[in-house]
Protein backbone atom coordinates (compact mmCIF):
# COMPACT_ATOMS: atom_id res chain seq x y z
CA MET A 1 80.53 -151.34 52.78
CA PRO A 2 77.96 -153.64 51.70
CA LYS A 3 75.70 -152.03 54.51
CA THR A 4 76.54 -148.61 53.90
CA ILE A 5 75.53 -149.18 49.85
CA PHE A 6 72.27 -150.70 51.31
CA ASN A 7 71.37 -147.68 53.33
CA LEU A 8 72.07 -145.76 50.54
CA ILE A 9 69.49 -147.56 48.24
CA LEU A 10 66.95 -147.31 50.85
CA ILE A 11 66.98 -144.07 51.26
CA ALA A 12 66.92 -143.46 47.62
CA ILE A 13 63.53 -145.67 47.39
CA ILE A 14 61.84 -143.66 50.28
CA CYS A 15 62.62 -140.38 48.59
CA SER A 16 61.34 -141.70 45.34
CA LEU A 17 57.92 -142.86 47.05
CA ALA A 18 57.65 -139.75 48.97
CA SER A 19 57.30 -137.60 45.71
CA PHE A 20 54.05 -139.10 44.87
CA ILE A 21 52.41 -138.00 47.82
CA PRO A 22 50.67 -134.59 47.72
CA LEU A 23 51.63 -131.99 50.67
CA ASN A 24 48.59 -130.27 50.24
CA SER A 25 45.33 -132.12 49.35
CA SER A 26 44.10 -128.48 47.82
CA TYR A 27 46.21 -128.86 44.95
CA VAL A 28 43.99 -131.31 43.08
CA ASP A 29 40.04 -131.17 42.82
CA PHE A 30 38.88 -134.61 43.21
CA SER A 31 34.81 -133.44 42.51
CA LYS A 32 35.78 -133.32 38.68
CA ASN A 33 36.16 -136.50 36.90
CA PHE A 34 39.65 -137.18 36.43
CA PHE A 35 39.34 -139.28 33.35
CA GLU A 36 37.09 -137.04 31.53
CA ASN A 37 39.65 -134.19 31.77
CA LEU A 38 42.24 -136.85 29.77
CA LEU A 39 39.38 -136.90 26.92
CA PRO A 40 40.21 -134.59 23.82
CA ARG A 41 38.05 -131.62 23.78
CA GLN A 42 35.23 -131.34 21.24
CA THR A 43 34.80 -127.87 19.28
CA SER A 44 31.48 -126.61 19.60
CA THR A 45 29.92 -125.40 16.50
CA GLU A 46 27.15 -122.88 16.22
CA ILE A 47 24.02 -123.61 13.74
CA GLU A 48 23.64 -120.40 11.45
CA THR A 49 20.10 -119.42 11.18
CA ILE A 50 18.85 -118.91 7.54
CA ILE A 51 16.49 -115.73 7.38
CA SER A 52 13.59 -116.02 5.11
CA SER A 53 13.91 -113.68 1.97
CA TYR A 54 12.83 -112.78 -1.86
CA GLU A 55 15.08 -111.54 -4.54
CA ALA A 56 14.22 -110.71 -8.05
CA SER A 57 16.80 -110.16 -11.08
CA VAL A 58 15.83 -106.52 -11.68
CA SER A 59 17.58 -103.16 -10.71
CA ASP A 60 14.63 -101.18 -9.70
CA THR A 61 11.25 -102.15 -8.64
CA LEU A 62 9.50 -100.11 -11.15
CA LEU A 63 9.50 -101.64 -14.60
CA TYR A 64 8.29 -100.84 -17.97
CA ASN A 65 7.00 -103.51 -20.10
CA PRO A 66 8.56 -106.64 -18.44
CA THR A 67 8.67 -109.90 -19.93
CA ASN A 68 10.48 -112.44 -18.10
CA ILE A 69 12.62 -111.96 -14.44
CA GLU A 70 13.76 -114.53 -12.47
CA PHE A 71 12.65 -114.93 -9.24
CA THR A 72 14.64 -116.32 -6.15
CA MET A 73 13.80 -117.69 -2.29
CA ILE A 74 15.62 -117.86 0.27
CA GLY A 75 14.90 -120.26 3.66
CA ASP A 76 15.70 -122.88 5.49
CA PHE A 77 14.08 -125.64 2.99
CA ASP A 78 15.24 -128.86 1.31
CA LYS A 79 15.61 -127.77 -2.44
CA GLY A 80 15.35 -131.30 -3.59
CA THR A 81 11.54 -131.75 -2.09
CA PHE A 82 10.81 -128.01 -2.22
CA SER A 83 8.32 -128.10 -5.49
CA LEU A 84 5.45 -126.16 -6.60
CA SER A 85 1.79 -127.68 -5.38
CA ASN A 86 3.22 -130.26 -3.11
CA SER A 87 5.14 -127.94 -0.86
CA HIS A 88 4.00 -124.50 -1.46
CA ASP A 89 2.54 -122.50 -4.31
CA MET A 90 3.56 -119.18 -5.93
CA VAL A 91 1.00 -116.38 -6.16
CA LEU A 92 1.08 -113.00 -8.01
CA GLU A 93 -1.77 -110.68 -7.09
CA VAL A 94 -2.22 -107.67 -9.29
CA PHE A 95 -3.53 -104.27 -7.85
CA SER A 96 -4.95 -101.08 -9.60
CA ASP A 97 -5.51 -98.04 -7.42
CA GLY A 98 -5.11 -100.05 -4.23
CA ASN A 99 -7.73 -102.71 -5.27
CA LEU A 100 -7.04 -106.23 -5.86
CA ILE A 101 -8.10 -107.05 -9.62
CA LYS A 102 -6.56 -110.36 -10.77
CA SER A 103 -4.46 -113.16 -8.82
CA TYR A 104 -1.90 -115.79 -10.80
CA VAL A 105 -1.08 -118.86 -9.44
CA ASN A 106 2.13 -121.33 -9.72
CA THR A 107 1.87 -122.36 -13.86
CA ASP A 108 -0.24 -118.95 -14.49
CA PHE A 109 2.96 -117.03 -14.70
CA VAL A 110 5.56 -119.46 -13.22
CA THR A 111 7.35 -120.79 -16.32
CA GLY A 112 10.26 -123.21 -15.11
CA VAL A 113 12.62 -123.87 -12.35
CA ILE A 114 16.18 -122.30 -12.64
CA ASP A 115 18.54 -124.52 -11.07
CA THR A 116 21.87 -122.14 -10.61
CA HIS A 117 22.88 -122.20 -7.02
CA SER A 118 24.74 -124.69 -5.26
CA ALA A 119 23.45 -123.78 -1.86
CA GLU A 120 20.57 -125.90 -0.87
CA ASN A 121 18.42 -123.01 0.86
CA MET A 122 18.03 -121.10 -2.72
CA GLN A 123 15.55 -121.87 -4.98
CA SER A 124 15.01 -119.75 -8.19
CA TYR A 125 12.16 -119.65 -10.96
CA SER A 126 11.49 -117.81 -13.83
CA PHE A 127 8.16 -115.91 -14.31
CA ASP A 128 6.49 -114.61 -17.08
CA ILE A 129 5.01 -111.42 -16.41
CA SER A 130 4.10 -110.00 -19.92
CA GLN A 131 1.05 -108.26 -20.74
CA GLU A 132 0.44 -110.90 -23.02
CA ASN A 133 0.56 -113.59 -20.54
CA LEU A 134 -1.31 -111.82 -17.71
CA LYS A 135 -3.88 -110.13 -20.18
CA LEU A 136 -3.97 -106.72 -18.61
CA TYR A 137 -4.82 -103.28 -19.94
CA GLY A 138 -2.55 -100.99 -20.38
CA GLY A 139 -1.66 -98.81 -17.16
CA PRO A 140 0.45 -98.78 -14.06
CA TYR A 141 -0.10 -101.66 -11.67
CA LYS A 142 1.46 -103.08 -8.01
CA PHE A 143 2.68 -106.66 -8.02
CA SER A 144 2.69 -108.42 -4.82
CA ILE A 145 4.39 -111.64 -5.27
CA TYR A 146 5.06 -114.44 -2.39
CA SER A 147 5.21 -118.41 -1.50
CA THR A 148 2.55 -119.77 0.76
CA ALA A 149 5.35 -122.07 2.29
CA ASP A 150 5.08 -121.83 6.34
CA ILE A 151 8.45 -120.32 6.41
CA PHE A 152 7.70 -117.49 4.34
CA LYS A 153 4.40 -116.59 6.12
CA ASP A 154 5.85 -113.61 8.28
CA ILE A 155 7.73 -112.55 5.21
CA GLU A 156 6.34 -109.34 3.56
CA PRO A 157 5.52 -110.10 -0.08
CA TYR A 158 7.77 -108.91 -2.78
CA GLU A 159 6.58 -105.91 -4.67
CA LEU A 160 7.08 -104.24 -7.92
CA THR A 161 5.26 -101.49 -9.88
CA VAL A 162 4.76 -102.22 -13.15
CA SER A 163 3.36 -100.15 -16.10
CA TYR A 164 2.78 -101.68 -19.61
CA LEU A 165 2.90 -98.89 -22.51
CA SER A 166 2.90 -100.34 -26.26
CA ASN A 167 5.20 -98.90 -28.83
CA SER A 168 2.19 -96.51 -29.89
CA LYS A 169 3.91 -93.27 -30.20
CA TYR A 170 2.26 -90.00 -28.55
CA VAL A 171 2.27 -86.73 -30.89
CA SER A 172 2.77 -83.52 -28.92
CA SER A 173 0.52 -80.44 -29.12
CA GLU A 174 1.17 -77.50 -30.56
CA ASP A 175 0.86 -73.83 -29.43
CA ILE A 176 1.31 -72.16 -32.99
CA VAL A 177 0.91 -72.65 -36.51
CA ASP A 178 2.61 -71.72 -39.52
CA ASP A 179 2.03 -68.60 -41.77
CA GLY A 180 -0.97 -68.70 -43.94
CA TYR A 181 -2.58 -71.90 -41.84
CA LEU A 182 -4.88 -72.62 -39.22
CA TYR A 183 -5.92 -75.30 -37.02
CA LEU A 184 -9.75 -76.67 -36.87
CA THR A 185 -10.88 -78.48 -33.79
CA LEU A 186 -12.91 -81.36 -34.62
CA TYR A 187 -14.85 -83.78 -32.77
CA PHE A 188 -14.80 -87.29 -33.87
CA ILE A 189 -15.75 -90.88 -32.48
CA ASP A 190 -13.12 -93.34 -31.98
CA GLU A 191 -13.07 -96.77 -33.70
CA ASP A 192 -14.53 -98.85 -30.67
CA PHE A 193 -17.55 -96.07 -30.35
CA GLN A 194 -16.80 -95.11 -26.95
CA TYR A 195 -15.34 -91.88 -26.91
CA LEU A 196 -15.29 -88.47 -28.70
CA VAL A 197 -11.71 -87.41 -29.46
CA PRO A 198 -10.66 -83.89 -30.37
CA VAL A 199 -8.63 -83.59 -33.33
CA SER A 200 -6.70 -80.52 -34.80
CA ARG A 201 -6.81 -80.57 -38.45
CA LYS A 202 -4.35 -78.19 -40.55
CA ILE A 203 -5.98 -75.86 -43.40
CA LYS A 204 -5.19 -72.76 -44.98
CA SER A 205 -6.33 -69.62 -43.44
CA ASP A 206 -7.85 -68.41 -47.05
CA ASP A 207 -10.07 -71.36 -46.98
CA TYR A 208 -11.40 -70.67 -43.41
CA SER A 209 -15.47 -70.07 -42.76
CA ILE A 210 -17.94 -71.69 -40.47
CA ARG A 211 -19.60 -73.48 -43.58
CA PHE A 212 -15.89 -74.58 -43.95
CA VAL A 213 -15.96 -76.17 -40.35
CA LEU A 214 -18.91 -78.11 -40.93
CA ASP A 215 -17.44 -79.70 -44.38
CA ASN A 216 -14.33 -80.67 -42.64
CA LEU A 217 -16.51 -82.15 -39.77
CA GLU A 218 -18.68 -84.21 -42.23
CA LEU A 219 -15.74 -85.68 -44.00
CA GLY A 220 -14.56 -87.48 -40.94
CA PRO A 221 -11.28 -88.35 -39.86
CA LYS A 222 -8.10 -88.99 -41.90
CA PRO A 223 -7.37 -92.65 -41.95
CA SER A 224 -3.56 -91.96 -40.44
CA MET A 225 -6.06 -91.00 -37.15
CA ALA A 226 -7.52 -94.97 -36.78
CA LEU A 227 -10.75 -93.29 -35.71
CA MET A 228 -14.04 -94.09 -36.93
CA GLU A 229 -13.68 -93.16 -40.50
CA ALA A 230 -17.55 -92.43 -41.12
CA SER A 231 -18.88 -88.67 -40.17
CA PRO A 232 -19.98 -88.40 -37.02
CA VAL A 233 -22.56 -85.75 -38.05
CA PRO A 234 -25.58 -85.91 -40.48
CA ASN A 235 -25.29 -83.22 -43.33
CA ALA A 236 -26.39 -79.60 -41.91
CA PRO A 237 -27.46 -77.70 -45.22
CA ARG A 238 -27.27 -74.29 -43.49
CA ILE A 239 -25.82 -72.41 -40.58
CA TRP A 240 -26.74 -69.01 -39.35
CA VAL A 241 -24.47 -67.28 -36.48
CA SER A 242 -25.40 -64.38 -34.46
CA GLN A 243 -24.69 -63.16 -30.85
CA GLY A 244 -22.64 -66.12 -30.22
CA LEU A 245 -25.52 -68.32 -31.27
CA ALA A 246 -24.97 -70.87 -34.11
CA SER A 247 -28.58 -71.95 -35.36
CA LEU A 248 -27.86 -75.10 -37.23
CA HIS A 249 -30.57 -76.08 -39.92
CA LEU A 250 -30.98 -80.05 -40.39
CA PRO A 251 -33.17 -81.87 -42.52
CA ARG A 252 -36.36 -83.50 -41.41
CA ASN A 253 -34.72 -87.23 -42.13
CA LEU A 254 -31.39 -87.29 -39.91
CA GLY A 255 -30.98 -91.45 -41.06
CA GLU A 256 -28.88 -93.26 -39.07
CA TYR A 257 -28.37 -90.40 -36.59
CA GLU A 258 -31.96 -91.13 -35.64
CA GLN A 259 -31.47 -94.75 -35.05
CA GLY A 260 -29.96 -95.18 -31.53
CA SER A 261 -28.98 -93.22 -28.48
CA SER A 262 -25.28 -93.53 -28.69
CA VAL A 263 -24.91 -92.44 -32.32
CA SER A 264 -27.58 -89.66 -31.63
CA LEU A 265 -25.56 -88.44 -28.59
CA PHE A 266 -22.39 -88.67 -30.30
CA ALA A 267 -23.51 -86.33 -33.40
CA VAL A 268 -25.29 -83.81 -30.79
CA ASN A 269 -21.87 -83.20 -28.85
CA SER A 270 -19.69 -83.57 -32.12
CA PHE A 271 -21.87 -80.61 -33.52
CA VAL A 272 -21.90 -78.46 -29.92
CA ASN A 273 -18.09 -79.11 -29.23
CA THR A 274 -16.86 -78.69 -32.54
CA LEU A 275 -18.81 -75.46 -33.13
CA THR A 276 -18.43 -74.14 -29.43
CA SER A 277 -14.45 -74.55 -30.13
CA LEU A 278 -14.52 -71.21 -32.44
CA ASP A 279 -14.37 -68.03 -30.79
CA VAL A 280 -17.62 -66.36 -32.02
CA ILE A 281 -19.97 -69.33 -31.20
CA ASN A 282 -20.88 -70.26 -27.27
CA SER A 283 -23.98 -72.07 -28.09
CA VAL A 284 -25.73 -74.00 -30.61
CA LYS A 285 -29.47 -74.45 -31.49
CA PHE A 286 -30.91 -77.14 -33.68
CA LEU A 287 -33.63 -76.72 -35.93
CA SER A 288 -35.30 -79.03 -38.21
CA GLU A 289 -35.94 -77.62 -41.79
CA GLY A 290 -35.54 -74.00 -40.29
CA ARG A 291 -38.05 -74.68 -37.73
CA GLU A 292 -38.13 -75.25 -34.10
CA VAL A 293 -39.01 -78.79 -32.97
CA GLU A 294 -38.79 -80.21 -29.38
CA THR A 295 -37.03 -83.36 -30.31
CA LEU A 296 -34.42 -84.59 -32.79
CA PHE A 297 -31.65 -87.18 -32.57
CA HIS A 298 -33.39 -90.05 -31.43
CA GLY A 299 -35.89 -87.80 -28.65
CA ILE A 300 -32.98 -85.60 -27.55
CA ASP A 301 -34.56 -82.49 -26.27
CA VAL A 302 -33.53 -79.50 -28.51
CA THR A 303 -35.83 -76.83 -27.23
CA GLN A 304 -33.21 -74.83 -25.84
CA PRO A 305 -29.30 -74.12 -27.31
CA PHE A 306 -26.67 -76.50 -26.25
CA LYS A 307 -24.02 -74.56 -24.41
CA ARG A 308 -20.07 -74.47 -24.57
CA ASN A 309 -19.42 -77.71 -22.24
CA ASN A 310 -17.22 -76.04 -19.55
CA SER A 311 -17.41 -79.41 -17.54
CA PRO A 312 -13.96 -80.40 -15.63
CA LYS A 313 -12.47 -83.00 -17.67
CA VAL A 314 -9.93 -86.23 -17.45
CA TYR A 315 -7.71 -86.56 -20.36
CA LEU A 316 -6.25 -90.16 -20.43
CA GLY A 317 -4.45 -92.03 -23.32
CA LEU A 318 -6.48 -93.44 -26.02
CA GLU A 319 -4.37 -95.95 -28.30
CA THR A 320 -5.47 -96.40 -31.64
CA SER A 321 -4.84 -99.20 -34.49
CA ALA A 322 -2.34 -96.85 -35.96
CA GLU A 323 0.03 -96.99 -33.32
CA ARG A 324 -0.74 -93.99 -32.01
CA PHE A 325 -1.72 -92.21 -28.88
CA LEU A 326 -4.41 -89.54 -28.60
CA LEU A 327 -5.83 -87.53 -25.36
CA ALA A 328 -9.70 -88.33 -25.08
CA PRO A 329 -11.14 -86.17 -22.30
CA ILE A 330 -13.86 -87.61 -20.03
CA ASP A 331 -16.45 -85.07 -18.39
CA ILE A 332 -16.60 -85.17 -14.60
CA LEU A 333 -20.50 -85.15 -13.83
CA LYS A 334 -20.12 -83.62 -10.33
CA ASN A 335 -18.98 -80.09 -11.40
CA ASP A 336 -20.28 -77.80 -8.73
CA MET A 337 -17.18 -78.74 -6.98
CA SER A 338 -14.45 -76.05 -5.62
CA VAL A 339 -11.21 -76.28 -7.00
CA ASP A 340 -9.57 -77.49 -3.88
CA SER A 341 -12.20 -80.73 -3.95
CA LEU A 342 -11.68 -81.31 -7.81
CA VAL A 343 -7.80 -81.14 -7.78
CA PRO A 344 -7.02 -84.54 -5.55
CA ILE A 345 -10.05 -86.21 -7.58
CA LEU A 346 -8.84 -85.31 -11.04
CA PHE A 347 -5.06 -86.47 -10.10
CA GLU A 348 -6.17 -89.71 -9.03
CA SER A 349 -8.27 -90.22 -12.06
CA LEU A 350 -5.16 -89.38 -14.29
CA LYS A 351 -3.28 -92.28 -12.33
CA ASN A 352 -6.15 -95.08 -12.15
CA SER A 353 -8.60 -93.91 -15.32
CA THR A 354 -11.48 -94.33 -12.63
CA ILE A 355 -13.76 -91.55 -13.61
CA ASN A 356 -17.28 -90.97 -12.03
CA GLY A 357 -17.25 -94.49 -10.42
CA ASN A 358 -16.35 -95.92 -13.68
CA VAL A 359 -13.13 -97.86 -14.79
CA HIS A 360 -11.76 -96.78 -18.17
CA GLU A 361 -9.63 -99.92 -19.17
CA SER A 362 -9.41 -99.50 -22.34
CA LEU A 363 -7.94 -96.00 -21.92
CA THR A 364 -4.40 -95.40 -20.81
CA SER A 365 -3.55 -93.62 -17.42
CA THR A 366 -1.22 -90.90 -18.02
CA VAL A 367 0.38 -90.70 -14.83
CA PRO A 368 1.88 -93.51 -13.29
CA GLU A 369 1.07 -94.74 -9.85
CA SER A 370 4.53 -93.77 -8.20
CA VAL A 371 3.89 -90.13 -8.60
CA ASN A 372 1.86 -88.59 -5.92
CA LEU A 373 0.28 -85.00 -5.45
CA LEU A 374 1.82 -84.12 -2.02
CA ASN A 375 -0.42 -80.90 -2.13
CA HIS A 376 -1.69 -77.81 -3.97
CA LYS A 377 -2.59 -74.35 -3.81
CA TYR A 378 -4.81 -72.15 -5.90
CA ASP A 379 -4.36 -68.28 -6.50
CA LYS A 380 -6.18 -66.06 -8.96
CA GLY A 381 -6.40 -68.51 -11.83
CA ILE A 382 -3.30 -70.41 -11.00
CA LEU A 383 -3.15 -73.96 -9.25
CA THR A 384 0.16 -74.92 -8.21
CA LEU A 385 0.78 -78.76 -7.57
CA ASN A 386 3.85 -80.27 -5.45
CA LEU A 387 4.17 -83.63 -7.03
CA SER A 388 6.86 -86.07 -5.39
CA LYS A 389 10.37 -86.82 -7.08
CA ASP A 390 9.13 -89.99 -9.33
CA PHE A 391 7.41 -87.41 -11.60
CA LEU A 392 11.17 -86.48 -12.84
CA SER A 393 12.20 -90.30 -13.37
CA VAL A 394 9.12 -91.81 -14.78
CA TYR A 395 8.92 -92.74 -18.34
CA SER A 396 12.92 -92.27 -18.71
CA GLN A 397 12.92 -94.03 -22.08
CA ARG A 398 10.11 -92.33 -23.63
CA ILE A 399 10.10 -88.85 -24.25
CA ASP A 400 6.70 -88.77 -25.82
CA MET A 401 4.95 -90.52 -22.99
CA LYS A 402 6.95 -87.67 -20.82
CA ASP A 403 5.18 -84.96 -22.95
CA MET A 404 1.79 -86.87 -22.81
CA MET A 405 1.74 -87.32 -19.16
CA LEU A 406 2.23 -83.50 -18.92
CA GLU A 407 -0.05 -82.62 -21.29
CA SER A 408 -2.66 -84.40 -19.77
CA ILE A 409 -2.12 -82.82 -16.43
CA LEU A 410 -2.28 -79.52 -18.36
CA TYR A 411 -5.46 -80.17 -20.33
CA THR A 412 -7.10 -81.87 -17.34
CA PHE A 413 -6.54 -79.15 -14.54
CA THR A 414 -7.39 -76.01 -17.08
CA SER A 415 -10.73 -77.77 -17.82
CA ILE A 416 -11.43 -76.69 -14.35
CA PRO A 417 -13.48 -73.25 -15.12
CA ASP A 418 -11.83 -71.13 -12.52
CA VAL A 419 -7.98 -72.52 -13.87
CA SER A 420 -6.17 -70.99 -16.38
CA MET A 421 -2.65 -71.80 -15.72
CA VAL A 422 -0.88 -74.40 -14.02
CA ALA A 423 2.53 -74.68 -12.38
CA ILE A 424 4.68 -77.79 -11.63
CA GLU A 425 6.73 -78.20 -8.04
CA VAL A 426 8.64 -81.28 -7.23
CA GLU A 427 9.01 -81.81 -3.49
CA GLY A 428 8.60 -77.77 -3.02
CA ASN A 429 11.26 -77.17 -5.55
CA LYS A 430 10.96 -75.27 -9.07
CA VAL A 431 11.64 -77.08 -12.07
CA PRO A 432 13.42 -75.37 -14.95
CA GLU A 433 13.65 -78.09 -16.94
CA PHE A 434 11.74 -80.96 -17.57
CA ASN A 435 11.65 -82.55 -21.38
CA GLY A 436 12.59 -79.21 -22.99
CA VAL A 437 9.79 -77.48 -20.71
CA ASN A 438 10.48 -74.99 -18.07
CA LEU A 439 7.87 -75.74 -15.29
CA SER A 440 9.04 -73.17 -12.93
CA VAL A 441 6.81 -70.35 -14.68
CA PRO A 442 3.03 -71.24 -14.96
CA MET A 443 1.86 -72.88 -17.97
CA SER A 444 -1.42 -72.80 -20.37
CA ALA A 445 -2.66 -75.64 -22.22
CA PRO A 446 -1.19 -75.95 -25.71
CA LYS A 447 -4.08 -74.78 -28.15
CA PHE A 448 -3.86 -77.66 -30.54
CA ILE A 449 -4.57 -81.15 -29.38
CA ASN A 450 -3.84 -84.23 -31.06
CA ILE A 451 -2.71 -83.14 -34.34
CA GLU A 452 -4.04 -84.75 -37.19
CA GLU A 453 -1.24 -86.26 -39.67
CA ASN A 454 -1.55 -86.49 -43.40
C-alpha cells in the first residue's frame, strides 16, 4: 500500500514537470527579447506642424478710412521671447499704382501688443493705419504687411486695399434747370493756385448777356465754394462777338495779371474756357485798347485767336476747405492719339491720379484701384466700357462718392472729341440700375458741373 501511494506521487511529479517542456520549439520566438515584451508599451505621439500665417480683424480686405486694426501672427515661436526689434520687425509697405511709395517699420504703425491668446504660437498687435498717422493723401492704396522673422520668410505678405476718403461731400451735377433760370459755366482758380475749376452758377434767364457772363466771371466764386475768392481775370471793358469769334478789349495796364506766368496763364484760360462754353463763341481774340498786339499777359503770344480747348481731359476730385469735392479737369497733352489708345490711359489716370507722367497728389482719384477696365469698344460716337464687378460694390456707404465716380467717368471719356456718349457694362452684362442711374443705355455727361451753392 505505501508503495502504491509513492508510485502515484512520482507519476504526478513527472507529468507536472513535463508540462513545462514545449513539444514544438517553433511556438517560441527566441530571436526577440523576451523581457522587452514584458515591459509596458509607450503610446507614440505625432508632433503637429504649425503653419505660419497672418490674420487681421477685418471682414473685408477693401477698407475705407481705416483707423486701428488687430493683426495676428501664427507660427512656431515662443510668444514670451518673440518681440519687436529683437526677434523680428513688422513692416508695412504702401503701393500706389503698383509703385512702392512709403514704408513703415515697427512703432511707425504698431501701437501695442494684444495678449488675448492663450496659445503660445499666436501673437497679436494693434496697428494704427489711419490717414493721419501714415500721412497719406486721399485716394486708393495697396498695403502689404509682413514680419521679417525667418519662420515667415516663405509666407506671402498680408494685403489690404485701402481708400482714404474725407467727410467732404460731392454735389451731383445737373442736366436741367428750373424754368426762368439758366446756368453759366465759369472757370475759377482753386485755393492752392494749381487748378482751373469749372463752376456752374445759376442766374435768371432775363439777366443773361455775354457782358453779364464776363461780369460774373470778374466777381469771382462765392465763398461757399472755397476757391480763390479774387477775380481770375482783369476787367474787360468791351467785348464784341462776330461769327463765333469774341474780340475782348483789355486795358493797356493789366496790373497783377502781367506780373507772373501762372496768374497770367490762368487769366487767359479762364477767359477762353468761360467764353467758349457759350454756344455762340468758338474762339477768343485779345486786344489791347482795341488794337492788336503781339503779347499780353506776361509775354503770352496773342497774335492769333485762342480756340475752344478740345483736348481730352481727366476729371479728378478736388477737396476744398468747405468740405466739398469738386471735379477738376487736367488736359492730356498727347491729344493726337486714337480713341482706342486713349481709353486705357484715361481710365488708369482716374485710378492713380497720374497724368502726363505727373502724380497729382493733392487731387483724389475717383475710381478705386480694385475697379478694372476689362475691355472697351467704340462705335459711331458711343464708347462702351466693360468694367470689373467691383465697380458695383465700391463706395457702398457713400452715395455721393458713387456719383462722383460715375460722373468723372462720363466727363473724362466724353472729353475725347470723337466720343459723345458712354455706356457701362459690368463683366459683360448690362446694368439697369446703379445709384439710381440706368447704365444699360448710353449716357452723355451732365451739362452743369460743380453747382455753385449760395
